[in-house]
Amino acid sequence: MNIGLLGGTFDPIHHGHLALARAAKERFDLGRIHFVPANVPPHKQSRAVTPYFHRYAMVVLATMGEKAFVPSVLEAPGVVTTPVSGAKGRPAKDEVSGANYSIDTVKRLKQSLKKIDLVFFLIGMDAFSEIAHWHQAEALFRECEFIVASRPGYSLADVANALPEKIRPPQSVSQPFAKQPATGDLVLRGATIHLLENVNQAVSATAIREAIVAKKPLRRFVDAAVEEYIKKEGLYLSR
């Protein structure tokens, strides 16, 4: 089975996340897509993040109408995981602490899957452009294939140049891609990237928070159940 993993802060989950998941599911016949809210996002530790249980609840509400969409607690606070093997081949338990890294989450997910299952990591182009700076980025590309939501203005060269240095093609190879839009598939030694077109929506967490403060409707940004939850819990009013 093809399995998708869509991680993020989901603060809050919005139509852009769901559009990416639906497009990836259709194109790559994904049997399940795990939506994984991060407890401690590595790149957002400098700013306040809505408590995990609120963000997880909104993911549950946004995905409840899709059988293939699975709210995941892989990065929940206090999650205890079982690595593939511990000392002398015995399983070893290790409590998640500090920031949540995608490489650990993918490995954790794969422990529950069959060997024939294939994992696809879903991500937007803006986040992918910073992928070389992620924790153990090279190892992450070995663990799964990537599905990237393309954006106008990006070329295949931009995608190739965003890769970690050791798996990045030389300029002589990537330069011809500079005039080619970021579409199709990019298969390199150590990395397989699939580009999805026409799935980007003009939605951002910042725009949603600004709309909340201005007391504007949120339906254009989020699912109705998520909008109701945000209003009921009074989220984002203090930011």
Protein backbone atom coordinates (compact mmCIF):
# COMPACT_ATOMS: atom_id res chain seq x y z
CA MET A 1 0.00 0.00 0.00
CA ASN A 2 1.10 3.55 -0.68
CA ILE A 3 1.07 5.58 2.55
CA GLY A 4 1.22 9.36 2.81
CA LEU A 5 2.57 11.39 5.71
CA LEU A 6 1.66 15.05 6.05
CA GLY A 7 3.26 16.68 9.05
CA GLY A 8 3.18 20.22 10.30
CA THR A 9 2.25 22.60 13.04
CA PHE A 10 -1.37 22.71 11.79
CA ASP A 11 -1.94 25.96 13.68
CA PRO A 12 -4.61 25.68 12.38
CA ILE A 13 -5.12 23.02 9.70
CA HIS A 14 -6.58 24.69 6.59
CA HIS A 15 -7.81 24.11 3.05
CA GLY A 16 -4.27 24.20 1.66
CA HIS A 17 -3.26 21.15 3.71
CA LEU A 18 -6.36 19.25 2.63
CA ALA A 19 -5.93 20.19 -1.04
CA LEU A 20 -2.41 18.78 -1.04
CA ALA A 21 -3.57 15.57 0.63
CA ARG A 22 -6.46 15.05 -1.78
CA ALA A 23 -4.33 15.70 -4.87
CA ALA A 24 -1.59 13.36 -3.65
CA LYS A 25 -4.10 10.66 -2.76
CA GLU A 26 -5.62 10.73 -6.23
CA ARG A 27 -2.39 10.83 -8.21
CA PHE A 28 -0.43 8.26 -6.21
CA ASP A 29 -3.30 6.04 -5.06
CA LEU A 30 -2.50 6.59 -1.39
CA GLY A 31 -4.40 4.14 0.78
CA ARG A 32 -3.89 6.25 3.88
CA ILE A 33 -2.55 9.68 4.67
CA HIS A 34 -1.37 10.30 8.23
CA PHE A 35 -1.81 13.89 9.39
CA VAL A 36 0.86 14.42 12.06
CA PRO A 37 0.66 17.55 14.22
CA ALA A 38 4.05 18.35 15.72
CA ASN A 39 4.26 18.75 19.47
CA VAL A 40 7.45 20.84 19.25
CA PRO A 41 8.11 22.02 15.66
CA PRO A 42 11.90 22.44 15.27
CA HIS A 43 11.62 25.57 13.12
CA LYS A 44 9.03 27.34 15.30
CA GLN A 45 10.45 27.04 18.79
CA SER A 46 11.03 30.81 18.93
CA ARG A 47 7.33 31.69 18.80
CA ALA A 48 4.24 30.62 20.71
CA VAL A 49 2.34 27.66 19.30
CA THR A 50 -1.23 26.71 20.17
CA PRO A 51 -1.31 23.78 22.65
CA TYR A 52 -1.02 20.40 20.99
CA PHE A 53 -4.44 19.11 22.04
CA HIS A 54 -6.19 22.01 20.28
CA ARG A 55 -4.23 21.50 17.08
CA TYR A 56 -4.83 17.75 17.15
CA ALA A 57 -8.56 18.29 17.76
CA MET A 58 -8.76 20.55 14.72
CA VAL A 59 -6.99 17.93 12.59
CA VAL A 60 -9.56 15.35 13.72
CA LEU A 61 -12.43 17.67 12.79
CA ALA A 62 -10.95 18.59 9.40
CA THR A 63 -10.30 14.99 8.35
CA MET A 64 -13.33 13.19 9.76
CA GLY A 65 -15.12 13.11 6.41
CA GLU A 66 -12.30 11.29 4.58
CA LYS A 67 -11.76 7.60 5.29
CA ALA A 68 -8.19 7.65 4.03
CA PHE A 69 -7.19 10.61 6.23
CA VAL A 70 -5.83 9.50 9.60
CA PRO A 71 -5.20 11.94 12.48
CA SER A 72 -1.92 10.76 13.99
CA VAL A 73 -0.36 11.01 17.45
CA LEU A 74 3.12 10.06 16.23
CA GLU A 75 4.47 13.33 17.61
CA ALA A 76 2.13 13.76 20.57
CA PRO A 77 3.54 14.89 23.93
CA GLY A 78 4.94 11.98 25.92
CA VAL A 79 4.65 9.47 23.06
CA VAL A 80 6.77 6.38 23.73
CA THR A 81 8.16 4.68 20.69
CA THR A 82 9.82 1.35 20.06
CA PRO A 83 12.86 1.55 17.76
CA VAL A 84 13.47 -1.30 15.36
CA SER A 85 16.06 -2.83 17.66
CA GLY A 86 17.77 -2.02 20.90
CA ALA A 87 20.77 -3.49 22.67
CA LYS A 88 21.44 -7.09 21.65
CA GLY A 89 18.58 -6.98 19.15
CA ARG A 90 15.90 -6.38 21.79
CA PRO A 91 13.34 -3.58 21.30
CA ALA A 92 14.22 -0.46 23.24
CA LYS A 93 11.77 2.22 24.34
CA ASP A 94 12.67 5.85 23.94
CA GLU A 95 10.46 8.72 25.02
CA VAL A 96 10.10 11.56 22.58
CA SER A 97 11.59 14.74 24.00
CA GLY A 98 12.51 18.15 22.65
CA ALA A 99 11.84 18.98 19.02
CA ASN A 100 10.06 16.56 16.70
CA TYR A 101 12.22 15.58 13.71
CA SER A 102 10.68 14.20 10.53
CA ILE A 103 13.30 11.47 10.17
CA ASP A 104 12.25 10.00 13.53
CA THR A 105 8.56 10.29 12.69
CA VAL A 106 8.95 8.51 9.36
CA LYS A 107 10.91 5.68 10.96
CA ARG A 108 8.30 5.43 13.71
CA LEU A 109 5.52 5.19 11.13
CA LYS A 110 7.34 2.53 9.13
CA GLN A 111 7.59 0.31 12.20
CA SER A 112 3.80 -0.14 11.98
CA LEU A 113 3.76 -0.86 8.24
CA LYS A 114 4.52 -3.84 6.08
CA LYS A 115 7.84 -4.01 4.26
CA ILE A 116 6.10 -3.71 0.90
CA ASP A 117 4.38 -0.46 1.91
CA LEU A 118 5.83 2.68 0.36
CA VAL A 119 5.87 5.96 2.29
CA PHE A 120 5.40 9.33 0.59
CA PHE A 121 6.26 12.53 2.47
CA LEU A 122 3.86 15.35 1.56
CA ILE A 123 5.18 18.90 1.72
CA GLY A 124 4.67 22.37 0.23
CA MET A 125 7.29 24.01 -1.97
CA ASP A 126 8.12 26.76 0.53
CA ALA A 127 8.96 24.23 3.23
CA PHE A 128 10.81 22.01 0.75
CA SER A 129 13.08 24.91 -0.20
CA GLU A 130 14.56 24.66 3.31
CA ILE A 131 14.87 20.85 3.33
CA ALA A 132 18.68 20.82 3.22
CA HIS A 133 18.71 22.38 6.70
CA TRP A 134 16.48 19.71 8.25
CA HIS A 135 17.80 17.22 10.79
CA GLN A 136 19.36 14.23 8.96
CA ALA A 137 17.91 15.39 5.66
CA GLU A 138 19.87 12.92 3.55
CA ALA A 139 18.61 10.01 5.63
CA LEU A 140 15.04 11.28 5.29
CA PHE A 141 15.26 11.03 1.50
CA ARG A 142 16.43 7.42 1.84
CA GLU A 143 13.44 6.55 4.00
CA CYS A 144 10.67 7.85 1.74
CA GLU A 145 9.73 9.49 -1.54
CA PHE A 146 8.62 13.13 -1.57
CA ILE A 147 5.45 14.66 -2.98
CA VAL A 148 5.89 18.42 -3.27
CA ALA A 149 3.11 20.91 -3.98
CA SER A 150 4.64 23.02 -6.71
CA ARG A 151 4.18 26.78 -7.00
CA PRO A 152 4.36 29.19 -9.95
CA GLY A 153 7.78 30.73 -10.30
CA TYR A 154 9.72 27.67 -9.18
CA SER A 155 11.78 25.64 -11.64
CA LEU A 156 13.12 22.09 -11.57
CA ALA A 157 16.53 23.65 -10.90
CA ASP A 158 15.11 25.26 -7.74
CA VAL A 159 13.92 21.85 -6.60
CA ALA A 160 17.25 20.18 -7.33
CA ASN A 161 19.27 22.97 -5.70
CA ALA A 162 17.20 22.72 -2.52
CA LEU A 163 18.43 19.18 -1.88
CA PRO A 164 21.09 18.36 0.71
CA GLU A 165 24.55 18.92 -0.72
CA LYS A 166 25.57 15.26 -0.91
CA ILE A 167 22.60 14.30 -3.09
CA ARG A 168 22.29 17.59 -4.95
CA PRO A 169 23.19 17.28 -8.65
CA PRO A 170 26.11 19.41 -9.88
CA GLN A 171 25.29 22.76 -11.44
CA SER A 172 26.23 21.42 -14.87
CA VAL A 173 23.34 18.95 -14.54
CA SER A 174 20.74 21.15 -12.84
CA GLN A 175 21.35 24.31 -14.87
CA PRO A 176 19.36 23.08 -17.92
CA PHE A 177 16.40 22.68 -15.55
CA ALA A 178 16.36 26.42 -14.81
CA LYS A 179 13.84 27.17 -17.54
CA GLN A 180 11.67 24.14 -16.83
CA PRO A 181 8.75 24.61 -14.42
CA ALA A 182 8.65 22.47 -11.29
CA THR A 183 6.44 19.72 -12.66
CA GLY A 184 6.65 15.97 -13.15
CA ASP A 185 9.12 13.74 -11.34
CA LEU A 186 12.74 14.27 -10.39
CA VAL A 187 14.56 11.00 -9.77
CA LEU A 188 18.14 11.28 -8.56
CA ARG A 189 20.58 9.04 -6.78
CA GLY A 190 19.36 9.19 -3.19
CA ALA A 191 16.16 11.16 -3.79
CA THR A 192 12.82 10.77 -5.58
CA ILE A 193 10.63 13.86 -5.79
CA HIS A 194 7.18 14.08 -7.35
CA LEU A 195 5.83 17.56 -8.15
CA LEU A 196 2.12 18.29 -7.88
CA GLU A 197 0.69 21.22 -9.83
CA ASN A 198 -2.36 23.37 -9.19
CA VAL A 199 -2.84 22.47 -5.54
CA ASN A 200 -1.65 25.70 -3.92
CA GLN A 201 -4.29 27.87 -2.33
CA ALA A 202 -3.98 31.40 -1.02
CA VAL A 203 -4.18 30.30 2.59
CA SER A 204 -1.79 30.91 5.45
CA ALA A 205 -1.97 30.57 9.21
CA THR A 206 -1.12 34.27 9.48
CA ALA A 207 -4.06 35.25 7.27
CA ILE A 208 -6.37 33.05 9.33
CA ARG A 209 -5.26 34.63 12.60
CA GLU A 210 -5.69 38.12 11.16
CA ALA A 211 -9.22 37.22 10.04
CA ILE A 212 -10.04 35.94 13.53
CA VAL A 213 -8.85 39.13 15.19
CA ALA A 214 -10.86 41.17 12.65
CA LYS A 215 -13.90 38.93 13.34
CA LYS A 216 -14.19 37.94 9.68
CA PRO A 217 -15.63 34.62 8.44
CA LEU A 218 -13.11 31.78 8.24
CA ARG A 219 -14.92 29.45 5.84
CA ARG A 220 -12.67 30.44 2.92
CA PHE A 221 -9.68 29.24 4.95
CA VAL A 222 -10.80 26.28 7.08
CA ASP A 223 -13.44 23.57 7.35
CA ALA A 224 -16.71 24.61 9.00
CA ALA A 225 -16.11 22.33 11.99
CA VAL A 226 -12.65 23.85 12.48
CA GLU A 227 -14.07 27.38 12.34
CA GLU A 228 -16.65 26.46 14.97
CA TYR A 229 -13.96 24.94 17.21
CA ILE A 230 -11.73 28.02 16.92
CA LYS A 231 -14.60 30.31 17.90
CA LYS A 232 -15.81 28.04 20.72
CA GLU A 233 -12.34 27.80 22.27
CA GLY A 234 -11.44 31.43 21.62
CA LEU A 235 -8.21 30.50 19.84
CA TYR A 236 -5.80 33.07 18.38
CA LEU A 237 -7.56 36.10 19.87
CA SER A 238 -4.53 37.04 21.99
CA ARG A 239 -2.01 37.10 19.12
